[in-house]
Amino acid sequence: MKKYLLLNGMMVLMAMQASCQSSNNKNKEQEKVAQETQDPVQVKSSDGYERAYFASGCFWCVEAIYESVKGVKESISGYSGGHTENPTYESSNTGLTGHAEAVEIIYDDSIVSFEDLVDVYFGSQNITQVNGQGPDRGSQYRSIIFYQNETQKKIIDTKIEALEKELGEGKVAAQVLPFQKFWVGEGYHQDFEKRNPTHPYIIGVSIPRLLRFQNKFPHLLKENDH
């Protein structure tokens, strides 16, 4: 019986690994098509601030991580990377819109660079997890790092190349996509961690993820977040 359970468990694990590999291959194929057919949209500076866009699982978590970084004025939860207009939380959760939960980072590049934001991105996630982060699974939680110009793309590609020398070729799950449009999320999602500190998900998932990041990058934190 134990041998049967062990064999069954191994078969389930192998099936999961094959499924993840298939999902990652599909993501990378979509990424290739997007890079070949879409020109990135460059967002203009406003009042001395730049904007950057990332998807890395639940936007409640990612918003809080970036808002703890010095030079970041604001982090906004929303949706990006899909093919439908006006996505909502409910529609994106179906997995049919193509959108992922994403954040818009408004930052002062004289204090924190785009390269720093990319380091924060990869340093605050499970780099190899396909279509999700932690307990959040599905294409709406996939990792995407968006670029607005070739300089940003080169920074991202260089970082991924270095990571894959450590982890193995093809192990970085994040898609690299030309930025097109960011859709601001519903009001109740904004500053969710800050406004709901006793929420079970915030206590069990979001805060531990934030603390792991802060312990790794103390030099990038705002003074009141040390």
C-alpha atoms as a PDB file:
ATOM      1  CA  MET A   1       0.000   0.000   0.000  1.00  0.00           C
ATOM      2  CA  LYS A   2       2.827   2.401   0.912  1.00  0.00           C
ATOM      3  CA  LYS A   3       4.554   1.619  -2.384  1.00  0.00           C
ATOM      4  CA  TYR A   4       1.320   2.348  -4.235  1.00  0.00           C
ATOM      5  CA  LEU A   5       0.872   5.681  -2.423  1.00  0.00           C
ATOM      6  CA  LEU A   6       4.482   6.622  -3.088  1.00  0.00           C
ATOM      7  CA  LEU A   7       4.183   5.718  -6.764  1.00  0.00           C
ATOM      8  CA  ASN A   8       0.870   7.566  -7.032  1.00  0.00           C
ATOM      9  CA  GLY A   9       2.394  10.634  -5.370  1.00  0.00           C
ATOM     10  CA  MET A  10       5.349  10.568  -7.756  1.00  0.00           C
ATOM     11  CA  MET A  11       3.008  10.326 -10.739  1.00  0.00           C
ATOM     12  CA  VAL A  12       0.994  13.330  -9.497  1.00  0.00           C
ATOM     13  CA  LEU A  13       4.206  15.318  -8.993  1.00  0.00           C
ATOM     14  CA  MET A  14       5.439  14.424 -12.479  1.00  0.00           C
ATOM     15  CA  ALA A  15       2.078  15.439 -13.957  1.00  0.00           C
ATOM     16  CA  MET A  16       2.219  18.778 -12.131  1.00  0.00           C
ATOM     17  CA  GLN A  17       5.758  19.419 -13.350  1.00  0.00           C
ATOM     18  CA  ALA A  18       4.766  18.566 -16.930  1.00  0.00           C
ATOM     19  CA  SER A  19       1.756  20.886 -16.662  1.00  0.00           C
ATOM     20  CA  CYS A  20       3.920  23.743 -15.348  1.00  0.00           C
ATOM     21  CA  GLN A  21       6.446  23.216 -18.141  1.00  0.00           C
ATOM     22  CA  SER A  22       3.654  23.242 -20.715  1.00  0.00           C
ATOM     23  CA  SER A  23       2.225  26.454 -19.211  1.00  0.00           C
ATOM     24  CA  ASN A  24       5.636  28.081 -19.195  1.00  0.00           C
ATOM     25  CA  ASN A  25       6.260  27.110 -22.824  1.00  0.00           C
ATOM     26  CA  LYS A  26       2.885  28.597 -23.767  1.00  0.00           C
ATOM     27  CA  ASN A  27       3.671  31.801 -21.848  1.00  0.00           C
ATOM     28  CA  LYS A  28       7.039  32.115 -23.568  1.00  0.00           C
ATOM     29  CA  GLU A  29       5.490  31.573 -26.996  1.00  0.00           C
ATOM     30  CA  GLN A  30       2.945  34.318 -26.283  1.00  0.00           C
ATOM     31  CA  GLU A  31       5.785  36.518 -25.065  1.00  0.00           C
ATOM     32  CA  LYS A  32       7.716  35.980 -28.292  1.00  0.00           C
ATOM     33  CA  VAL A  33       4.689  36.860 -30.423  1.00  0.00           C
ATOM     34  CA  ALA A  34       4.012  40.010 -28.385  1.00  0.00           C
ATOM     35  CA  GLN A  35       7.608  41.168 -28.630  1.00  0.00           C
ATOM     36  CA  GLU A  36       7.643  40.627 -32.384  1.00  0.00           C
ATOM     37  CA  THR A  37       4.306  42.297 -33.116  1.00  0.00           C
ATOM     38  CA  GLN A  38       3.779  45.041 -30.520  1.00  0.00           C
ATOM     39  CA  ASP A  39       5.767  48.203 -29.977  1.00  0.00           C
ATOM     40  CA  PRO A  40       6.053  49.160 -26.301  1.00  0.00           C
ATOM     41  CA  VAL A  41       4.153  52.215 -25.123  1.00  0.00           C
ATOM     42  CA  GLN A  42       6.381  54.789 -23.421  1.00  0.00           C
ATOM     43  CA  VAL A  43       4.650  56.527 -20.517  1.00  0.00           C
ATOM     44  CA  LYS A  44       5.701  60.152 -20.206  1.00  0.00           C
ATOM     45  CA  SER A  45       7.213  61.532 -17.022  1.00  0.00           C
ATOM     46  CA  SER A  46       4.791  63.542 -14.892  1.00  0.00           C
ATOM     47  CA  ASP A  47       5.775  66.041 -12.185  1.00  0.00           C
ATOM     48  CA  GLY A  48       9.255  64.540 -12.098  1.00  0.00           C
ATOM     49  CA  TYR A  49       8.072  60.964 -11.615  1.00  0.00           C
ATOM     50  CA  GLU A  50       8.428  57.924 -13.850  1.00  0.00           C
ATOM     51  CA  ARG A  51       6.114  54.903 -14.065  1.00  0.00           C
ATOM     52  CA  ALA A  52       6.912  51.201 -14.205  1.00  0.00           C
ATOM     53  CA  TYR A  53       4.666  48.140 -14.389  1.00  0.00           C
ATOM     54  CA  PHE A  54       4.996  44.668 -12.866  1.00  0.00           C
ATOM     55  CA  ALA A  55       2.843  41.586 -12.253  1.00  0.00           C
ATOM     56  CA  SER A  56       3.919  39.121  -9.564  1.00  0.00           C
ATOM     57  CA  GLY A  57       0.971  37.285  -8.061  1.00  0.00           C
ATOM     58  CA  CYS A  58      -1.564  38.997  -5.810  1.00  0.00           C
ATOM     59  CA  PHE A  59      -1.432  42.755  -6.288  1.00  0.00           C
ATOM     60  CA  TRP A  60      -2.132  43.339  -2.584  1.00  0.00           C
ATOM     61  CA  CYS A  61       1.279  41.840  -1.839  1.00  0.00           C
ATOM     62  CA  VAL A  62       3.200  43.553  -4.627  1.00  0.00           C
ATOM     63  CA  GLU A  63       1.682  46.970  -3.938  1.00  0.00           C
ATOM     64  CA  ALA A  64       2.825  46.853  -0.306  1.00  0.00           C
ATOM     65  CA  ILE A  65       6.327  45.677  -1.236  1.00  0.00           C
ATOM     66  CA  TYR A  66       6.964  48.530  -3.646  1.00  0.00           C
ATOM     67  CA  GLU A  67       5.427  51.144  -1.367  1.00  0.00           C
ATOM     68  CA  SER A  68       8.096  50.287   1.217  1.00  0.00           C
ATOM     69  CA  VAL A  69      10.871  51.178  -1.259  1.00  0.00           C
ATOM     70  CA  LYS A  70      12.531  54.587  -1.006  1.00  0.00           C
ATOM     71  CA  GLY A  71      11.884  56.777  -4.023  1.00  0.00           C
ATOM     72  CA  VAL A  72       8.507  55.169  -4.696  1.00  0.00           C
ATOM     73  CA  LYS A  73       5.768  57.765  -4.372  1.00  0.00           C
ATOM     74  CA  GLU A  74       2.873  55.394  -4.930  1.00  0.00           C
ATOM     75  CA  SER A  75       1.993  51.863  -5.965  1.00  0.00           C
ATOM     76  CA  ILE A  76      -1.396  51.281  -7.618  1.00  0.00           C
ATOM     77  CA  SER A  77      -3.158  47.930  -8.033  1.00  0.00           C
ATOM     78  CA  GLY A  78      -4.735  47.073 -11.369  1.00  0.00           C
ATOM     79  CA  TYR A  79      -4.583  44.870 -14.439  1.00  0.00           C
ATOM     80  CA  SER A  80      -2.344  44.553 -17.487  1.00  0.00           C
ATOM     81  CA  GLY A  81      -1.057  42.125 -20.086  1.00  0.00           C
ATOM     82  CA  GLY A  82      -4.408  41.054 -21.548  1.00  0.00           C
ATOM     83  CA  HIS A  83      -6.534  41.563 -24.631  1.00  0.00           C
ATOM     84  CA  THR A  84      -9.838  42.930 -23.269  1.00  0.00           C
ATOM     85  CA  GLU A  85     -10.982  46.456 -22.492  1.00  0.00           C
ATOM     86  CA  ASN A  86     -11.891  47.578 -18.973  1.00  0.00           C
ATOM     87  CA  PRO A  87     -10.985  44.394 -17.070  1.00  0.00           C
ATOM     88  CA  THR A  88     -12.387  43.919 -13.581  1.00  0.00           C
ATOM     89  CA  TYR A  89     -11.412  41.724 -10.660  1.00  0.00           C
ATOM     90  CA  GLU A  90     -14.211  39.321 -11.486  1.00  0.00           C
ATOM     91  CA  SER A  91     -13.475  39.125 -15.206  1.00  0.00           C
ATOM     92  CA  SER A  92      -9.708  38.763 -14.789  1.00  0.00           C
ATOM     93  CA  ASN A  93     -10.255  35.916 -12.329  1.00  0.00           C
ATOM     94  CA  THR A  94     -11.905  33.862 -15.062  1.00  0.00           C
ATOM     95  CA  GLY A  95      -8.546  33.663 -16.828  1.00  0.00           C
ATOM     96  CA  LEU A  96     -10.281  34.576 -20.094  1.00  0.00           C
ATOM     97  CA  THR A  97      -9.227  38.236 -20.349  1.00  0.00           C
ATOM     98  CA  GLY A  98      -5.509  37.541 -20.558  1.00  0.00           C
ATOM     99  CA  HIS A  99      -4.873  40.164 -17.882  1.00  0.00           C
ATOM    100  CA  ALA A 100      -2.767  39.613 -14.801  1.00  0.00           C
ATOM    101  CA  GLU A 101      -3.039  41.418 -11.497  1.00  0.00           C
ATOM    102  CA  ALA A 102      -0.407  44.133 -11.844  1.00  0.00           C
ATOM    103  CA  VAL A 103       0.902  47.278 -10.186  1.00  0.00           C
ATOM    104  CA  GLU A 104       1.810  50.709 -11.467  1.00  0.00           C
ATOM    105  CA  ILE A 105       4.866  52.085  -9.672  1.00  0.00           C
ATOM    106  CA  ILE A 106       5.227  55.878  -9.569  1.00  0.00           C
ATOM    107  CA  TYR A 107       8.828  56.630  -8.643  1.00  0.00           C
ATOM    108  CA  ASP A 108      11.593  59.230  -8.535  1.00  0.00           C
ATOM    109  CA  ASP A 109      14.417  57.845 -10.662  1.00  0.00           C
ATOM    110  CA  SER A 110      16.908  60.173  -9.001  1.00  0.00           C
ATOM    111  CA  ILE A 111      16.392  58.089  -5.837  1.00  0.00           C
ATOM    112  CA  VAL A 112      15.525  54.613  -7.114  1.00  0.00           C
ATOM    113  CA  SER A 113      16.372  53.384 -10.604  1.00  0.00           C
ATOM    114  CA  PHE A 114      14.416  51.090 -12.903  1.00  0.00           C
ATOM    115  CA  GLU A 115      17.192  48.557 -12.393  1.00  0.00           C
ATOM    116  CA  ASP A 116      16.587  48.729  -8.620  1.00  0.00           C
ATOM    117  CA  LEU A 117      12.868  48.121  -9.211  1.00  0.00           C
ATOM    118  CA  VAL A 118      13.727  45.045 -11.271  1.00  0.00           C
ATOM    119  CA  ASP A 119      15.912  43.778  -8.408  1.00  0.00           C
ATOM    120  CA  VAL A 120      12.974  44.332  -6.031  1.00  0.00           C
ATOM    121  CA  TYR A 121      10.732  42.447  -8.456  1.00  0.00           C
ATOM    122  CA  PHE A 122      12.837  39.305  -8.662  1.00  0.00           C
ATOM    123  CA  GLY A 123      13.952  39.533  -5.032  1.00  0.00           C
ATOM    124  CA  SER A 124      10.385  39.468  -3.704  1.00  0.00           C
ATOM    125  CA  GLN A 125       8.949  36.455  -5.522  1.00  0.00           C
ATOM    126  CA  ASN A 126       9.377  32.761  -6.255  1.00  0.00           C
ATOM    127  CA  ILE A 127      11.242  33.262  -9.512  1.00  0.00           C
ATOM    128  CA  THR A 128      10.522  29.805 -10.917  1.00  0.00           C
ATOM    129  CA  GLN A 129       6.792  29.511 -10.106  1.00  0.00           C
ATOM    130  CA  VAL A 130       4.675  29.390 -13.263  1.00  0.00           C
ATOM    131  CA  ASN A 131       1.246  31.062 -13.398  1.00  0.00           C
ATOM    132  CA  GLY A 132       1.133  32.101  -9.773  1.00  0.00           C
ATOM    133  CA  GLN A 133       2.880  33.100  -6.582  1.00  0.00           C
ATOM    134  CA  GLY A 134       2.545  31.100  -3.380  1.00  0.00           C
ATOM    135  CA  PRO A 135      -1.033  29.904  -2.903  1.00  0.00           C
ATOM    136  CA  ASP A 136      -2.403  32.064  -5.731  1.00  0.00           C
ATOM    137  CA  ARG A 137      -2.610  29.998  -8.911  1.00  0.00           C
ATOM    138  CA  GLY A 138      -3.852  30.833 -12.399  1.00  0.00           C
ATOM    139  CA  SER A 139      -2.853  32.951 -15.386  1.00  0.00           C
ATOM    140  CA  GLN A 140      -4.233  36.062 -13.661  1.00  0.00           C
ATOM    141  CA  TYR A 141      -1.450  35.625 -11.076  1.00  0.00           C
ATOM    142  CA  ARG A 142       1.379  34.975 -13.531  1.00  0.00           C
ATOM    143  CA  SER A 143       4.591  36.955 -13.384  1.00  0.00           C
ATOM    144  CA  ILE A 144       5.105  39.611 -16.049  1.00  0.00           C
ATOM    145  CA  ILE A 145       7.706  42.323 -16.202  1.00  0.00           C
ATOM    146  CA  PHE A 146       6.831  45.091 -18.653  1.00  0.00           C
ATOM    147  CA  TYR A 147       9.275  47.256 -20.579  1.00  0.00           C
ATOM    148  CA  GLN A 148       8.606  50.628 -22.210  1.00  0.00           C
ATOM    149  CA  ASN A 149      11.793  50.941 -24.258  1.00  0.00           C
ATOM    150  CA  GLU A 150      14.857  48.975 -25.345  1.00  0.00           C
ATOM    151  CA  THR A 151      16.956  50.282 -22.446  1.00  0.00           C
ATOM    152  CA  GLN A 152      14.523  48.777 -19.950  1.00  0.00           C
ATOM    153  CA  LYS A 153      14.343  45.544 -21.929  1.00  0.00           C
ATOM    154  CA  LYS A 154      18.134  45.236 -21.874  1.00  0.00           C
ATOM    155  CA  ILE A 155      18.141  45.696 -18.079  1.00  0.00           C
ATOM    156  CA  ILE A 156      15.501  42.973 -17.698  1.00  0.00           C
ATOM    157  CA  ASP A 157      17.193  40.572 -20.121  1.00  0.00           C
ATOM    158  CA  THR A 158      20.571  41.021 -18.408  1.00  0.00           C
ATOM    159  CA  LYS A 159      19.031  40.277 -15.009  1.00  0.00           C
ATOM    160  CA  ILE A 160      17.251  37.176 -16.303  1.00  0.00           C
ATOM    161  CA  GLU A 161      20.436  35.932 -17.976  1.00  0.00           C
ATOM    162  CA  ALA A 162      22.304  36.254 -14.669  1.00  0.00           C
ATOM    163  CA  LEU A 163      19.530  34.486 -12.747  1.00  0.00           C
ATOM    164  CA  GLU A 164      19.385  31.613 -15.222  1.00  0.00           C
ATOM    165  CA  LYS A 165      23.116  31.062 -14.851  1.00  0.00           C
ATOM    166  CA  GLU A 166      22.323  30.287 -11.206  1.00  0.00           C
ATOM    167  CA  LEU A 167      18.959  28.547 -11.590  1.00  0.00           C
ATOM    168  CA  GLY A 168      19.248  26.889 -14.981  1.00  0.00           C
ATOM    169  CA  GLU A 169      18.218  27.887 -18.476  1.00  0.00           C
ATOM    170  CA  GLY A 170      14.508  28.562 -18.831  1.00  0.00           C
ATOM    171  CA  LYS A 171      13.876  28.511 -15.070  1.00  0.00           C
ATOM    172  CA  VAL A 172      12.780  32.152 -14.802  1.00  0.00           C
ATOM    173  CA  ALA A 173       8.999  31.978 -15.199  1.00  0.00           C
ATOM    174  CA  ALA A 174       8.301  35.691 -15.697  1.00  0.00           C
ATOM    175  CA  GLN A 175       7.165  36.867 -19.103  1.00  0.00           C
ATOM    176  CA  VAL A 176       8.884  39.946 -20.527  1.00  0.00           C
ATOM    177  CA  LEU A 177       6.265  41.948 -22.423  1.00  0.00           C
ATOM    178  CA  PRO A 178       6.126  45.327 -24.175  1.00  0.00           C
ATOM    179  CA  PHE A 179       3.936  47.567 -22.064  1.00  0.00           C
ATOM    180  CA  GLN A 180       0.602  48.476 -23.673  1.00  0.00           C
ATOM    181  CA  LYS A 181      -1.904  49.711 -21.087  1.00  0.00           C
ATOM    182  CA  PHE A 182      -2.568  49.601 -17.359  1.00  0.00           C
ATOM    183  CA  TRP A 183      -6.110  49.497 -16.033  1.00  0.00           C
ATOM    184  CA  VAL A 184      -6.517  50.843 -12.486  1.00  0.00           C
ATOM    185  CA  GLY A 185      -8.201  48.337 -10.178  1.00  0.00           C
ATOM    186  CA  GLU A 186     -11.269  48.806  -8.044  1.00  0.00           C
ATOM    187  CA  GLY A 187     -10.988  51.206  -5.106  1.00  0.00           C
ATOM    188  CA  TYR A 188     -11.298  48.518  -2.441  1.00  0.00           C
ATOM    189  CA  HIS A 189      -8.075  46.888  -3.703  1.00  0.00           C
ATOM    190  CA  GLN A 190      -5.965  50.012  -3.229  1.00  0.00           C
ATOM    191  CA  ASP A 191      -3.714  49.996  -0.118  1.00  0.00           C
ATOM    192  CA  PHE A 192      -5.483  46.778   0.860  1.00  0.00           C
ATOM    193  CA  GLU A 193      -2.739  45.499   3.140  1.00  0.00           C
ATOM    194  CA  LYS A 194      -2.429  48.821   4.928  1.00  0.00           C
ATOM    195  CA  ARG A 195      -6.187  49.158   5.432  1.00  0.00           C
ATOM    196  CA  ASN A 196      -6.851  45.510   6.355  1.00  0.00           C
ATOM    197  CA  PRO A 197      -4.006  44.401   8.654  1.00  0.00           C
ATOM    198  CA  THR A 198      -6.110  41.686  10.326  1.00  0.00           C
ATOM    199  CA  HIS A 199      -7.373  40.085   7.106  1.00  0.00           C
ATOM    200  CA  PRO A 200      -6.404  36.349   7.173  1.00  0.00           C
ATOM    201  CA  TYR A 201      -4.690  36.524   3.755  1.00  0.00           C
ATOM    202  CA  ILE A 202      -2.736  39.620   4.780  1.00  0.00           C
ATOM    203  CA  ILE A 203      -1.573  37.971   8.015  1.00  0.00           C
ATOM    204  CA  GLY A 204      -0.809  34.588   6.479  1.00  0.00           C
ATOM    205  CA  VAL A 205       0.595  35.476   3.049  1.00  0.00           C
ATOM    206  CA  SER A 206       1.081  39.169   2.338  1.00  0.00           C
ATOM    207  CA  ILE A 207       2.902  40.339   5.481  1.00  0.00           C
ATOM    208  CA  PRO A 208       5.312  37.354   5.537  1.00  0.00           C
ATOM    209  CA  ARG A 209       6.162  38.036   1.893  1.00  0.00           C
ATOM    210  CA  LEU A 210       6.748  41.723   2.653  1.00  0.00           C
ATOM    211  CA  LEU A 211       8.978  40.906   5.626  1.00  0.00           C
ATOM    212  CA  ARG A 212      11.051  38.422   3.605  1.00  0.00           C
ATOM    213  CA  PHE A 213      11.666  41.125   1.020  1.00  0.00           C
ATOM    214  CA  GLN A 214      12.521  43.776   3.617  1.00  0.00           C
ATOM    215  CA  ASN A 215      15.034  41.487   5.296  1.00  0.00           C
ATOM    216  CA  LYS A 216      16.792  40.961   1.945  1.00  0.00           C
ATOM    217  CA  PHE A 217      16.833  44.616   0.825  1.00  0.00           C
ATOM    218  CA  PRO A 218      17.192  46.860   3.910  1.00  0.00           C
ATOM    219  CA  HIS A 219      19.247  49.378   1.884  1.00  0.00           C
ATOM    220  CA  LEU A 220      16.278  50.060  -0.408  1.00  0.00           C
ATOM    221  CA  LEU A 221      13.704  50.707   2.305  1.00  0.00           C
ATOM    222  CA  LYS A 222      12.173  54.009   3.325  1.00  0.00           C
ATOM    223  CA  GLU A 223      13.382  55.071   6.766  1.00  0.00           C
ATOM    224  CA  ASN A 224      10.037  54.419   8.475  1.00  0.00           C
ATOM    225  CA  ASP A 225       9.990  50.869   7.050  1.00  0.00           C
ATOM    226  CA  HIS A 226      13.283  49.731   8.614  1.00  0.00           C
END
